[in-house]
C-alpha cells in the first residue's frame, strides 16, 4: 500500500513539473452513507440530501491536486481523512437479527481524470481506495478496499464545489464476535475546497 501511495505522489508531482496549470488545495465537507450501490441510488441520495430528508454520517478533510492537461481535460488526485459511522446488520447463532454500529476512520485516495464544460463545470470518473485505520473494522472487513469514483464539480475562481459518489468493487463481508456481518459500501461526499 505504501508503494502505491508513493507512486501516486510521484506521478502527481511529475505531472506538475510538466503541466502548464497545476493547482493544489484543501477541501472538506460532509459524508453520507448509502445503502445500495448504483448510479440511480446516488442520484436519489443526492435529492434526499438537498431536500433535508437524509442527514450526514460523517465528515472528510484533506488535500487535492489537479493537473490541467489541456483547457478541457485534467487529472485530479485527492487524499482525504474520512470519518463516518455505519450500522452493519447480521444474524446471530440463534437466528436473531443483530445490528452493530462502527465508527470508521479511513484515508480515502481518489485518482480521476475529468473534463470541463463551459470552463466552470467539471465531470470526472476514476479509482477510489480506502485504507481503514480502525483495527476493529479492519480486522473484520480488511484493511484496504478498492473501488471507483464518479463526480461532478463547479469552480468559481479559487473556490471548488464537488459532489462525489464513491463505492467499492465488492460488498463488505466479515465476522465480528462470531456474527457474520455485511453491507453495501457506498458514500456520497459533498465537498467545498479552495485551490492555490
Protein backbone atom coordinates (compact mmCIF):
# COMPACT_ATOMS: atom_id res chain seq x y z
CA UNK A 1 0.00 0.00 0.00
CA UNK A 2 2.85 2.36 0.87
CA UNK A 3 4.34 1.79 -2.59
CA UNK A 4 1.02 2.64 -4.27
CA UNK A 5 0.76 5.93 -2.34
CA UNK A 6 4.39 6.81 -3.16
CA UNK A 7 3.84 6.01 -6.86
CA UNK A 8 0.71 8.17 -6.98
CA UNK A 9 2.50 11.04 -5.23
CA UNK A 10 5.47 10.86 -7.64
CA UNK A 11 3.13 10.70 -10.63
CA UNK A 12 1.22 13.78 -9.49
CA UNK A 13 4.47 15.63 -8.71
CA UNK A 14 5.90 14.69 -12.11
CA UNK A 15 2.79 15.89 -13.90
CA UNK A 16 3.02 19.18 -12.03
CA UNK A 17 6.56 19.80 -13.27
CA UNK A 18 5.45 19.47 -16.88
CA UNK A 19 1.99 20.98 -16.61
CA UNK A 20 1.06 24.44 -17.72
CA UNK A 21 -1.54 24.72 -14.98
CA UNK A 22 -1.00 22.64 -11.84
CA UNK A 23 -3.05 23.52 -8.78
CA UNK A 24 -3.33 22.14 -5.28
CA UNK A 25 -5.63 22.98 -2.45
CA UNK A 26 -7.57 21.89 0.60
CA UNK A 27 -11.09 20.53 0.70
CA UNK A 28 -13.58 19.23 3.23
CA UNK A 29 -17.23 18.51 3.74
CA UNK A 30 -19.91 16.06 4.79
CA UNK A 31 -20.15 12.33 4.08
CA UNK A 32 -23.42 10.45 3.54
CA UNK A 33 -23.52 6.64 3.69
CA UNK A 34 -25.60 4.86 1.07
CA UNK A 35 -27.38 1.53 1.37
CA UNK A 36 -27.38 0.50 -2.29
CA UNK A 37 -24.70 0.73 -4.95
CA UNK A 38 -25.89 2.15 -8.23
CA UNK A 39 -25.88 5.47 -10.06
CA UNK A 40 -29.65 5.71 -9.60
CA UNK A 41 -29.23 5.36 -5.84
CA UNK A 42 -26.55 8.08 -5.90
CA UNK A 43 -28.95 10.46 -7.67
CA UNK A 44 -31.76 9.54 -5.25
CA UNK A 45 -29.49 10.07 -2.23
CA UNK A 46 -28.38 13.45 -3.61
CA UNK A 47 -32.03 14.50 -3.82
CA UNK A 48 -32.62 13.41 -0.22
CA UNK A 49 -29.56 15.38 0.93
CA UNK A 50 -30.71 18.59 -0.78
CA UNK A 51 -34.30 18.21 0.48
CA UNK A 52 -33.08 17.62 4.05
CA UNK A 53 -34.54 14.08 4.25
CA UNK A 54 -31.09 12.48 4.77
CA UNK A 55 -28.55 13.55 7.38
CA UNK A 56 -24.81 13.10 7.13
CA UNK A 57 -22.99 10.19 8.76
CA UNK A 58 -19.59 11.84 8.97
CA UNK A 59 -17.11 14.30 7.54
CA UNK A 60 -13.93 14.46 5.48
CA UNK A 61 -10.95 16.81 5.16
CA UNK A 62 -7.78 16.71 3.11
CA UNK A 63 -5.65 17.79 0.18
CA UNK A 64 -6.35 17.89 -3.53
CA UNK A 65 -4.12 18.33 -6.59
CA UNK A 66 -5.27 18.98 -10.14
CA UNK A 67 -3.21 18.94 -13.32
CA UNK A 68 -4.88 20.79 -16.20
CA UNK A 69 -3.53 18.78 -19.15
CA UNK A 70 -5.48 20.84 -21.72
CA UNK A 71 -8.15 23.52 -21.49
CA UNK A 72 -10.85 20.85 -21.20
CA UNK A 73 -9.08 17.82 -19.70
CA UNK A 74 -7.48 17.33 -16.27
CA UNK A 75 -6.37 14.68 -13.79
CA UNK A 76 -7.22 15.10 -10.12
CA UNK A 77 -5.82 13.39 -7.03
CA UNK A 78 -7.45 13.65 -3.59
CA UNK A 79 -6.12 12.41 -0.24
CA UNK A 80 -8.81 12.77 2.43
CA UNK A 81 -9.22 11.78 6.04
CA UNK A 82 -12.79 10.43 6.21
CA UNK A 83 -14.67 9.65 9.43
CA UNK A 84 -18.13 8.07 9.27
CA UNK A 85 -20.45 5.92 11.33
CA UNK A 86 -22.02 2.84 9.80
CA UNK A 87 -24.54 0.29 11.08
CA UNK A 88 -23.91 -3.31 10.00
CA UNK A 89 -26.64 -5.95 10.09
CA UNK A 90 -26.32 -9.70 10.65
CA UNK A 91 -27.93 -12.74 12.29
CA UNK A 92 -26.57 -14.49 15.40
CA UNK A 93 -26.38 -18.28 16.01
CA UNK A 94 -29.96 -18.25 17.38
CA UNK A 95 -31.36 -16.65 14.22
CA UNK A 96 -31.86 -13.28 15.91
CA UNK A 97 -31.11 -10.10 13.94
CA UNK A 98 -28.08 -8.17 15.18
CA UNK A 99 -27.01 -4.61 14.38
CA UNK A 100 -23.59 -3.19 15.19
CA UNK A 101 -22.52 0.40 14.70
CA UNK A 102 -18.92 1.03 13.65
CA UNK A 103 -17.09 4.34 13.61
CA UNK A 104 -14.80 4.29 10.61
CA UNK A 105 -11.64 6.32 10.28
CA UNK A 106 -10.08 5.99 6.85
CA UNK A 107 -7.68 7.55 4.41
CA UNK A 108 -9.59 7.99 1.17
CA UNK A 109 -7.50 8.22 -2.03
CA UNK A 110 -9.02 9.20 -5.38
CA UNK A 111 -7.32 9.41 -8.77
CA UNK A 112 -9.67 10.57 -11.51
CA UNK A 113 -9.34 12.05 -14.99
CA UNK A 114 -12.03 14.55 -15.87
CA UNK A 115 -13.19 17.11 -18.38
CA UNK A 116 -14.53 20.65 -18.24
CA UNK A 117 -17.73 22.02 -19.69
CA UNK A 118 -18.05 25.83 -20.13
CA UNK A 119 -14.86 26.27 -18.01
CA UNK A 120 -16.91 26.24 -14.77
CA UNK A 121 -18.41 22.75 -14.67
CA UNK A 122 -16.44 19.53 -14.29
CA UNK A 123 -17.17 15.79 -14.56
CA UNK A 124 -14.76 13.04 -13.56
CA UNK A 125 -14.51 9.28 -13.04
CA UNK A 126 -11.67 7.21 -11.65
CA UNK A 127 -10.36 4.95 -8.93
CA UNK A 128 -11.15 5.22 -5.23
CA UNK A 129 -9.27 3.46 -2.43
CA UNK A 130 -9.95 3.30 1.31
CA UNK A 131 -7.30 2.47 3.88
CA UNK A 132 -9.12 1.67 7.16
CA UNK A 133 -7.35 3.00 10.27
CA UNK A 134 -9.63 1.35 12.88
CA UNK A 135 -8.30 -2.08 13.85
CA UNK A 136 -11.74 -3.40 14.86
CA UNK A 137 -13.19 -2.57 11.45
CA UNK A 138 -10.06 -3.60 9.50
CA UNK A 139 -9.79 -6.95 11.34
CA UNK A 140 -13.39 -7.72 10.38
CA UNK A 141 -13.58 -6.42 6.81
CA UNK A 142 -9.98 -5.98 5.63
CA UNK A 143 -7.50 -3.10 5.77
CA UNK A 144 -7.84 -1.80 2.20
CA UNK A 145 -10.60 -1.76 -0.38
CA UNK A 146 -10.52 -0.54 -3.97
CA UNK A 147 -13.45 0.91 -5.87
CA UNK A 148 -14.43 3.68 -8.23
CA UNK A 149 -15.49 7.32 -8.03
CA UNK A 150 -17.90 9.38 -10.10
CA UNK A 151 -18.15 13.10 -9.52
CA UNK A 152 -19.26 16.49 -10.74
CA UNK A 153 -17.99 19.88 -9.69
CA UNK A 154 -18.21 23.62 -10.08
CA UNK A 155 -15.28 26.06 -9.98
CA UNK A 156 -15.85 29.70 -9.04
CA UNK A 157 -12.41 31.27 -9.08
CA UNK A 158 -10.34 29.53 -6.39
CA UNK A 159 -13.45 28.02 -4.76
CA UNK A 160 -14.50 24.49 -5.74
CA UNK A 161 -17.74 22.65 -5.03
CA UNK A 162 -17.92 18.88 -5.58
CA UNK A 163 -20.36 16.01 -5.27
CA UNK A 164 -18.57 12.66 -5.40
CA UNK A 165 -20.01 9.16 -5.38
CA UNK A 166 -17.53 6.60 -4.06
CA UNK A 167 -18.16 2.87 -3.96
CA UNK A 168 -16.17 -0.33 -3.67
CA UNK A 169 -15.98 -3.09 -6.25
CA UNK A 170 -17.32 -5.60 -3.71
CA UNK A 171 -19.58 -5.67 -0.63
CA UNK A 172 -18.12 -5.65 2.85
CA UNK A 173 -18.45 -9.10 4.42
CA UNK A 174 -16.82 -10.24 7.63
CA UNK A 175 -17.26 -11.86 11.01
CA UNK A 176 -17.49 -9.76 14.17
CA UNK A 177 -17.58 -11.60 17.53
CA UNK A 178 -18.69 -14.77 15.73
CA UNK A 179 -21.55 -13.00 13.90
CA UNK A 180 -21.38 -12.64 10.10
CA UNK A 181 -21.97 -9.02 9.08
CA UNK A 182 -22.28 -7.46 5.65
CA UNK A 183 -23.18 -4.20 3.97
CA UNK A 184 -23.02 -2.50 0.62
CA UNK A 185 -20.29 0.13 0.72
CA UNK A 186 -21.11 3.41 -0.93
CA UNK A 187 -20.94 7.03 0.11
CA UNK A 188 -21.73 10.47 -1.19
CA UNK A 189 -19.26 13.26 -0.44
CA UNK A 190 -20.40 16.90 -0.52
CA UNK A 191 -17.23 18.98 -0.57
CA UNK A 192 -16.11 22.61 -0.58
CA UNK A 193 -12.50 23.47 -1.33
CA UNK A 194 -10.07 26.20 -2.23
CA UNK A 195 -7.31 25.96 -4.85
CA UNK A 196 -3.96 27.76 -4.51
